Amino acid sequence: MKMMTFLLSHLKRIDRILVGTIVFLCLFGLLMVYSASYPLGEVKYEQGSYFFIKQWQWLVMGGFFFFIAALLPYQIYRKWIKWLVLLSLLCLILVLLPGIGVVKNNSQRWIHLGSLMLQPSEAVKLVMVIYFAYVYAKKQAYITSFKKGVMPPLILLGIAFLLILKQPDLGTAVSILLSCGIILLCAGLKTRHLILLGWTAAAGITFFAVTAPYRLKRLTSFRNPFQYENGDGYQLIHSYFAMNSGGLTGNGLGGSIQKLGFLPEAHTDFIMAIISEELGIMGILLVIGAYLLIMYRAMRIVQALHDPFGKLLTIGLTFQIMLQAAFNLGAVFGLLPITGIPLPFISYGGSSLMFMMISAGILVNLSSYVKKNPYRAHAK
């Protein structure tokens, strides 16, 4: 009875607008995966709804973990974080071992877990945000000391970065680096320490980007895709075709031409191109508006919370979602290189969806520590 009373009280305090926006994006994504993947499902598996069913299964599983994360007090991660970091780094090592890691499209990023195929780097995105929020909240008293207050967690981040780069997956490695960097920025570091770390990170990313021929090709092809129309520019060109034909209101749900074998990865990395073609600029604005609403609600939580760990965790989780959305949309619009990062809550992909929903569940839990009137929070 006490547990039921606690759950009901907890559910009353959560940010319903935040929950509604996340649910909307997930259901909208499910609909668009069905539309974008139907032709491929028919051709490849003789079942148009193949990818829709898979995405639905992951969504149900993700919904379960979302509910659990929304109910678990966020402070509990303080007790678990060391084990979570060790487990996530172990999984990054295992995925690189022959016979354990699964190779797809010249990348070794997945591990079979029974009938499921998980991508450990998606878990690392979440774990590193929790770890950095925990460590730098605890180090507030000596955050200005580089050796004692700043440096130790960066070693683990560097190890994770290199292991993910080995898969290879520079896009995910950079997104983790940036999410953790934003936590550092908000934790109160000295300006000179931030500048030093920023230049070091930029130099490292540039080095790894230009020293691998296929990455360098991606960097040059996105700037002028028509020069590489039969190679690396092909996908972006057909993304342009899709968006150009959509206009203001689109060609109607199911009316995409580019998904009929012209645009590769139409239901994954480039699902926004299909949204644009079928729902037009209005569809793009709807999705971007939903992300901005999540960010707005999250920033209200940050302003109200008094607990440094809760503040940094909210910031890290929020910008993790926003950065991933920015990377994906930037690639689709031709503003950034194609990194293979999915659109949060919308793109097809099991591991990405599940861990994104866990992140969202933690955000929802953080919102329950905010008093509605006045808008203040307490940390237990």
Protein backbone atom coordinates (compact mmCIF):
# COMPACT_ATOMS: atom_id res chain seq x y z
CA MET A 1 0.00 0.00 0.00
CA LYS A 2 2.85 2.37 0.88
CA MET A 3 4.57 1.55 -2.41
CA MET A 4 1.39 2.26 -4.36
CA THR A 5 0.95 5.58 -2.54
CA PHE A 6 4.57 6.49 -3.32
CA LEU A 7 4.16 5.64 -7.01
CA LEU A 8 0.95 7.65 -7.35
CA SER A 9 2.53 10.62 -5.57
CA HIS A 10 5.59 10.36 -7.80
CA LEU A 11 3.55 10.17 -11.01
CA LYS A 12 1.64 13.30 -10.03
CA ARG A 13 4.87 15.31 -9.84
CA ILE A 14 6.41 14.38 -13.19
CA ASP A 15 6.47 16.82 -16.10
CA ARG A 16 3.52 15.63 -18.21
CA ILE A 17 4.43 17.89 -21.11
CA LEU A 18 7.90 16.34 -21.23
CA VAL A 19 6.43 12.83 -21.13
CA GLY A 20 3.86 13.68 -23.81
CA THR A 21 6.51 15.10 -26.14
CA ILE A 22 8.71 12.00 -25.80
CA VAL A 23 5.75 9.67 -26.39
CA PHE A 24 4.72 11.73 -29.44
CA LEU A 25 8.22 11.48 -30.98
CA CYS A 26 8.34 7.71 -30.40
CA LEU A 27 4.91 7.06 -31.95
CA PHE A 28 5.58 9.46 -34.81
CA GLY A 29 8.89 7.69 -35.40
CA LEU A 30 7.14 4.31 -35.46
CA LEU A 31 4.72 5.61 -38.09
CA MET A 32 7.51 7.04 -40.24
CA VAL A 33 9.63 3.87 -39.94
CA TYR A 34 6.63 1.94 -41.28
CA SER A 35 6.23 4.36 -44.19
CA ALA A 36 9.94 4.68 -45.01
CA SER A 37 10.81 0.97 -44.72
CA TYR A 38 7.76 -0.69 -46.33
CA PRO A 39 9.27 -1.04 -49.85
CA LEU A 40 12.57 -2.38 -48.48
CA GLY A 41 10.73 -4.84 -46.25
CA GLU A 42 8.78 -6.15 -49.25
CA VAL A 43 11.88 -6.54 -51.41
CA LYS A 44 14.24 -7.94 -48.79
CA TYR A 45 11.94 -9.98 -46.52
CA GLU A 46 8.67 -10.24 -48.51
CA GLN A 47 7.00 -8.50 -45.57
CA GLY A 48 6.45 -4.76 -45.81
CA SER A 49 5.93 -4.40 -42.07
CA TYR A 50 9.18 -6.24 -41.16
CA PHE A 51 11.06 -3.19 -39.88
CA PHE A 52 7.90 -1.76 -38.31
CA ILE A 53 7.42 -4.93 -36.24
CA LYS A 54 11.07 -4.90 -35.15
CA GLN A 55 10.86 -1.23 -34.19
CA TRP A 56 7.61 -1.87 -32.30
CA GLN A 57 9.27 -4.65 -30.29
CA TRP A 58 12.17 -2.37 -29.37
CA LEU A 59 9.74 0.42 -28.53
CA VAL A 60 7.83 -1.83 -26.12
CA MET A 61 11.10 -2.89 -24.47
CA GLY A 62 12.30 0.71 -24.39
CA GLY A 63 8.95 1.80 -22.93
CA PHE A 64 9.41 -0.68 -20.08
CA PHE A 65 12.86 0.68 -19.23
CA PHE A 66 11.59 4.24 -19.66
CA PHE A 67 8.94 3.54 -17.01
CA ILE A 68 11.50 1.98 -14.64
CA ALA A 69 13.96 4.87 -15.12
CA ALA A 70 11.17 7.39 -14.56
CA LEU A 71 10.32 5.77 -11.21
CA LEU A 72 13.84 5.06 -9.88
CA PRO A 73 15.21 8.00 -7.83
CA TYR A 74 18.06 9.48 -9.86
CA GLN A 75 20.30 9.54 -6.75
CA ILE A 76 20.58 5.74 -6.97
CA TYR A 77 23.01 6.07 -9.88
CA ARG A 78 25.59 7.39 -7.43
CA LYS A 79 25.78 3.86 -5.99
CA TRP A 80 25.82 2.09 -9.35
CA ILE A 81 28.00 4.33 -11.46
CA LYS A 82 31.37 2.62 -10.86
CA TRP A 83 29.95 -0.75 -11.88
CA LEU A 84 28.15 0.77 -14.87
CA VAL A 85 31.38 2.34 -16.12
CA LEU A 86 33.34 -0.90 -15.73
CA LEU A 87 30.62 -2.93 -17.45
CA SER A 88 30.29 -0.49 -20.35
CA LEU A 89 34.07 -0.40 -20.95
CA LEU A 90 34.18 -4.21 -20.79
CA CYS A 91 31.45 -4.38 -23.45
CA LEU A 92 33.45 -2.00 -25.66
CA ILE A 93 36.41 -4.38 -25.40
CA LEU A 94 34.27 -7.49 -26.04
CA VAL A 95 32.70 -6.01 -29.17
CA LEU A 96 36.17 -5.79 -30.76
CA LEU A 97 37.01 -9.46 -30.12
CA PRO A 98 36.66 -11.88 -33.08
CA GLY A 99 33.72 -14.23 -32.65
CA ILE A 100 31.96 -11.92 -30.21
CA GLY A 101 31.60 -8.64 -32.06
CA VAL A 102 29.25 -8.64 -35.06
CA VAL A 103 30.53 -7.05 -38.28
CA LYS A 104 28.09 -5.08 -40.44
CA ASN A 105 28.95 -2.63 -43.23
CA ASN A 106 32.68 -2.86 -42.44
CA SER A 107 32.07 -1.90 -38.79
CA GLN A 108 32.28 -4.08 -35.68
CA ARG A 109 29.84 -2.37 -33.31
CA TRP A 110 27.34 -4.99 -32.14
CA ILE A 111 27.12 -7.91 -29.71
CA HIS A 112 24.57 -10.72 -29.87
CA LEU A 113 22.61 -11.09 -26.65
CA GLY A 114 20.33 -14.05 -27.27
CA SER A 115 18.06 -13.06 -30.15
CA LEU A 116 18.89 -9.37 -29.65
CA MET A 117 21.78 -7.45 -31.16
CA LEU A 118 22.99 -4.62 -28.91
CA GLN A 119 25.35 -1.75 -29.65
CA PRO A 120 27.48 -1.13 -26.52
CA SER A 121 28.48 2.39 -27.61
CA GLU A 122 24.83 3.47 -27.18
CA ALA A 123 25.01 2.39 -23.53
CA VAL A 124 28.34 4.21 -23.12
CA LYS A 125 26.69 7.48 -24.25
CA LEU A 126 24.37 7.29 -21.25
CA VAL A 127 26.87 5.88 -18.75
CA MET A 128 29.54 8.51 -19.44
CA VAL A 129 27.02 11.33 -18.95
CA ILE A 130 25.97 9.89 -15.57
CA TYR A 131 29.61 9.34 -14.61
CA PHE A 132 30.71 12.87 -15.50
CA ALA A 133 27.70 14.42 -13.73
CA TYR A 134 28.46 12.34 -10.61
CA VAL A 135 32.22 12.99 -10.52
CA TYR A 136 32.16 16.73 -11.22
CA ALA A 137 29.28 17.32 -8.82
CA LYS A 138 31.40 15.62 -6.14
CA LYS A 139 34.52 17.60 -7.09
CA GLN A 140 32.92 21.04 -6.80
CA ALA A 141 35.13 21.95 -3.80
CA TYR A 142 38.32 21.58 -5.85
CA ILE A 143 37.05 21.89 -9.43
CA THR A 144 39.62 24.62 -10.14
CA SER A 145 42.50 22.16 -9.64
CA PHE A 146 43.28 20.55 -13.02
CA LYS A 147 45.29 17.63 -11.66
CA LYS A 148 42.94 16.69 -8.82
CA GLY A 149 39.57 18.05 -9.91
CA VAL A 150 39.52 17.80 -13.70
CA MET A 151 41.95 15.22 -15.06
CA PRO A 152 41.05 11.75 -13.60
CA PRO A 153 37.64 11.25 -15.34
CA LEU A 154 39.12 12.40 -18.66
CA ILE A 155 41.36 9.31 -18.70
CA LEU A 156 38.32 7.00 -18.73
CA LEU A 157 36.64 9.19 -21.36
CA GLY A 158 39.77 8.92 -23.51
CA ILE A 159 39.76 5.12 -23.21
CA ALA A 160 36.08 4.95 -24.21
CA PHE A 161 36.73 7.35 -27.12
CA LEU A 162 39.57 5.21 -28.50
CA LEU A 163 37.65 1.93 -28.11
CA ILE A 164 34.65 3.33 -30.01
CA LEU A 165 36.98 4.80 -32.63
CA LYS A 166 38.41 1.31 -33.12
CA GLN A 167 35.01 -0.06 -34.22
CA PRO A 168 35.22 2.40 -36.15
CA ASP A 169 32.57 4.99 -35.17
CA LEU A 170 33.96 8.51 -35.01
CA GLY A 171 30.48 10.09 -34.97
CA THR A 172 29.40 8.36 -31.76
CA ALA A 173 32.81 8.93 -30.16
CA VAL A 174 32.59 12.68 -30.90
CA SER A 175 28.99 12.93 -29.62
CA ILE A 176 30.07 11.37 -26.30
CA LEU A 177 33.03 13.73 -26.13
CA LEU A 178 30.79 16.77 -26.70
CA SER A 179 28.12 15.68 -24.18
CA CYS A 180 30.78 15.25 -21.51
CA GLY A 181 32.39 18.53 -22.59
CA ILE A 182 29.14 20.40 -21.98
CA ILE A 183 29.01 18.94 -18.45
CA LEU A 184 32.57 20.19 -17.91
CA LEU A 185 31.56 23.62 -19.21
CA CYS A 186 28.69 23.81 -16.69
CA ALA A 187 30.65 22.33 -13.79
CA GLY A 188 32.65 25.49 -13.13
CA LEU A 189 36.07 24.80 -14.66
CA LYS A 190 38.59 27.60 -15.07
CA THR A 191 38.47 29.27 -18.47
CA ARG A 192 42.08 28.35 -19.27
CA HIS A 193 41.34 24.67 -18.50
CA LEU A 194 38.31 24.74 -20.81
CA ILE A 195 40.35 26.33 -23.60
CA LEU A 196 43.13 23.76 -23.19
CA LEU A 197 40.68 20.83 -23.26
CA GLY A 198 38.73 22.32 -26.17
CA TRP A 199 41.83 22.75 -28.33
CA THR A 200 43.09 19.27 -27.41
CA ALA A 201 39.75 17.68 -28.31
CA ALA A 202 39.50 19.64 -31.58
CA ALA A 203 43.05 18.66 -32.56
CA GLY A 204 42.39 15.00 -31.73
CA ILE A 205 39.10 14.86 -33.67
CA THR A 206 40.71 16.58 -36.67
CA PHE A 207 43.65 14.17 -36.62
CA PHE A 208 41.44 11.06 -36.55
CA ALA A 209 39.10 12.53 -39.19
CA VAL A 210 41.77 13.31 -41.79
CA THR A 211 44.10 10.35 -41.25
CA ALA A 212 41.51 7.74 -42.27
CA PRO A 213 40.88 7.91 -46.06
CA TYR A 214 37.16 7.03 -45.85
CA ARG A 215 36.55 9.70 -43.18
CA LEU A 216 38.44 12.31 -45.19
CA LYS A 217 36.31 11.40 -48.23
CA ARG A 218 33.16 11.98 -46.20
CA LEU A 219 34.43 15.37 -45.09
CA THR A 220 35.04 16.48 -48.67
CA SER A 221 31.97 14.87 -50.28
CA PHE A 222 29.35 16.55 -48.06
CA ARG A 223 30.63 19.99 -49.13
CA ASN A 224 30.09 19.21 -52.81
CA PRO A 225 28.09 15.97 -53.12
CA PHE A 226 27.43 16.40 -56.87
CA GLN A 227 31.15 15.99 -57.49
CA TYR A 228 30.82 12.49 -55.98
CA GLU A 229 27.31 11.67 -57.24
CA ASN A 230 28.12 8.00 -57.91
CA GLY A 231 29.99 7.53 -54.64
CA ASP A 232 29.93 9.19 -51.24
CA GLY A 233 27.70 12.03 -52.44
CA TYR A 234 24.92 9.72 -53.69
CA GLN A 235 22.99 9.51 -50.41
CA LEU A 236 23.04 13.26 -49.75
CA ILE A 237 21.97 14.07 -53.33
CA HIS A 238 18.89 11.86 -53.02
CA SER A 239 18.19 13.42 -49.63
CA TYR A 240 18.13 16.79 -51.42
CA PHE A 241 15.74 15.36 -54.04
CA ALA A 242 13.41 14.13 -51.32
CA MET A 243 13.36 17.42 -49.43
CA ASN A 244 13.00 19.48 -52.61
CA SER A 245 9.92 17.57 -53.74
CA GLY A 246 8.18 17.84 -50.36
CA GLY A 247 7.49 21.57 -50.44
CA LEU A 248 5.47 23.07 -47.61
CA THR A 249 3.05 20.23 -46.83
CA GLY A 250 4.64 17.24 -48.58
CA ASN A 251 3.31 14.60 -50.96
CA GLY A 252 1.24 12.88 -48.31
CA LEU A 253 2.02 10.03 -45.93
CA GLY A 254 3.33 7.10 -47.99
CA GLY A 255 3.94 9.34 -51.02
CA SER A 256 7.74 9.25 -51.03
CA ILE A 257 9.51 8.32 -54.26
CA GLN A 258 13.03 8.27 -52.83
CA LYS A 259 12.27 5.39 -50.46
CA LEU A 260 11.62 3.15 -53.48
CA GLY A 261 15.26 2.06 -53.62
CA PHE A 262 16.80 5.46 -54.42
CA LEU A 263 17.75 6.69 -50.93
CA PRO A 264 19.85 4.21 -48.91
CA GLU A 265 19.10 4.00 -45.17
CA ALA A 266 15.77 5.77 -45.71
CA HIS A 267 14.34 4.42 -42.44
CA THR A 268 17.50 4.94 -40.33
CA ASP A 269 19.97 7.81 -40.75
CA PHE A 270 17.98 9.64 -43.45
CA ILE A 271 14.45 9.24 -42.17
CA MET A 272 14.11 13.03 -41.93
CA ALA A 273 14.45 13.23 -45.74
CA ILE A 274 11.41 10.96 -46.05
CA ILE A 275 9.53 13.01 -43.44
CA SER A 276 10.29 16.09 -45.50
CA GLU A 277 9.19 14.45 -48.75
CA GLU A 278 5.92 13.12 -47.31
CA LEU A 279 5.01 15.85 -44.80
CA GLY A 280 6.98 18.79 -46.14
CA ILE A 281 8.48 21.68 -44.21
CA MET A 282 5.60 21.36 -41.74
CA GLY A 283 6.83 17.86 -40.83
CA ILE A 284 10.38 19.14 -40.30
CA LEU A 285 9.16 21.99 -38.09
CA LEU A 286 6.99 19.58 -36.09
CA VAL A 287 9.97 17.37 -35.25
CA ILE A 288 12.37 20.24 -34.53
CA GLY A 289 9.69 21.92 -32.40
CA ALA A 290 9.31 18.74 -30.33
CA TYR A 291 13.07 18.61 -29.66
CA LEU A 292 13.12 22.28 -28.67
CA LEU A 293 10.20 21.67 -26.31
CA ILE A 294 12.14 18.85 -24.62
CA MET A 295 15.10 21.19 -24.23
CA TYR A 296 12.92 23.97 -22.81
CA ARG A 297 11.29 21.68 -20.23
CA ALA A 298 14.69 20.26 -19.28
CA MET A 299 16.21 23.71 -18.78
CA ARG A 300 13.35 24.56 -16.40
CA ILE A 301 14.33 21.48 -14.39
CA VAL A 302 17.97 22.65 -14.31
CA GLN A 303 16.96 26.09 -13.06
CA ALA A 304 14.83 24.63 -10.27
CA LEU A 305 17.07 21.84 -8.95
CA HIS A 306 19.46 22.60 -6.09
CA ASP A 307 21.42 19.34 -6.22
CA PRO A 308 24.62 19.76 -8.35
CA PHE A 309 24.46 16.12 -9.48
CA GLY A 310 20.85 16.52 -10.60
CA LYS A 311 21.66 19.75 -12.44
CA LEU A 312 24.66 18.33 -14.31
CA LEU A 313 22.82 15.08 -15.08
CA THR A 314 19.87 16.97 -16.57
CA ILE A 315 22.22 19.11 -18.68
CA GLY A 316 24.19 16.09 -19.90
CA LEU A 317 21.12 14.02 -20.82
CA THR A 318 19.42 16.93 -22.55
CA PHE A 319 22.39 17.88 -24.68
CA GLN A 320 23.04 14.23 -25.46
CA ILE A 321 19.61 14.16 -27.15
CA MET A 322 20.04 17.59 -28.77
CA LEU A 323 23.54 16.89 -30.10
CA GLN A 324 22.44 13.60 -31.62
CA ALA A 325 19.49 15.35 -33.29
CA ALA A 326 21.81 18.13 -34.53
CA PHE A 327 24.33 15.63 -35.96
CA ASN A 328 21.60 13.74 -37.80
CA LEU A 329 19.75 16.79 -39.14
CA GLY A 330 23.03 18.48 -40.08
CA ALA A 331 23.98 15.43 -42.17
CA VAL A 332 20.56 15.21 -43.87
CA PHE A 333 20.58 18.94 -44.71
CA GLY A 334 24.18 18.78 -45.97
CA LEU A 335 25.55 21.03 -43.22
CA LEU A 336 27.66 18.33 -41.51
CA PRO A 337 29.44 15.14 -42.66
CA ILE A 338 27.38 11.94 -42.63
CA THR A 339 28.18 10.19 -39.35
CA GLY A 340 25.54 7.45 -39.20
CA ILE A 341 24.03 8.87 -36.00
CA PRO A 342 20.27 8.14 -35.86
CA LEU A 343 17.55 10.72 -35.19
CA PRO A 344 16.55 10.35 -31.49
CA PHE A 345 13.27 8.47 -30.87
CA ILE A 346 12.46 8.43 -34.62
CA SER A 347 15.08 6.51 -36.64
CA TYR A 348 14.94 2.73 -36.90
CA GLY A 349 17.42 1.12 -34.53
CA GLY A 350 16.95 -0.98 -31.41
CA SER A 351 19.90 -0.09 -29.17
CA SER A 352 19.65 3.60 -29.97
CA LEU A 353 15.92 3.73 -29.22
CA MET A 354 16.17 1.72 -26.01
CA PHE A 355 19.01 3.70 -24.42
CA MET A 356 17.53 6.99 -25.61
CA MET A 357 14.30 6.07 -23.81
CA ILE A 358 16.23 5.21 -20.64
CA SER A 359 17.86 8.65 -20.85
CA ALA A 360 14.43 10.21 -21.30
CA GLY A 361 13.10 8.23 -18.34
CA ILE A 362 15.85 9.61 -16.11
CA LEU A 363 14.96 13.13 -17.31
CA VAL A 364 11.34 12.49 -16.36
CA ASN A 365 12.43 11.26 -12.93
CA LEU A 366 14.47 14.44 -12.45
CA SER A 367 11.37 16.48 -13.27
CA SER A 368 9.52 14.88 -10.34
CA TYR A 369 11.89 16.64 -7.92
CA VAL A 370 10.62 19.99 -9.07
CA LYS A 371 7.86 21.61 -7.02
CA LYS A 372 5.24 23.11 -9.28
CA ASN A 373 4.48 26.16 -7.17
CA PRO A 374 6.86 27.72 -6.49
CA TYR A 375 9.04 26.13 -9.18
CA ARG A 376 11.75 24.84 -6.85
CA ALA A 377 13.27 21.45 -6.22
CA HIS A 378 14.51 19.35 -3.37
CA ALA A 379 17.22 16.72 -3.49
CA LYS A 380 17.04 13.78 -1.19
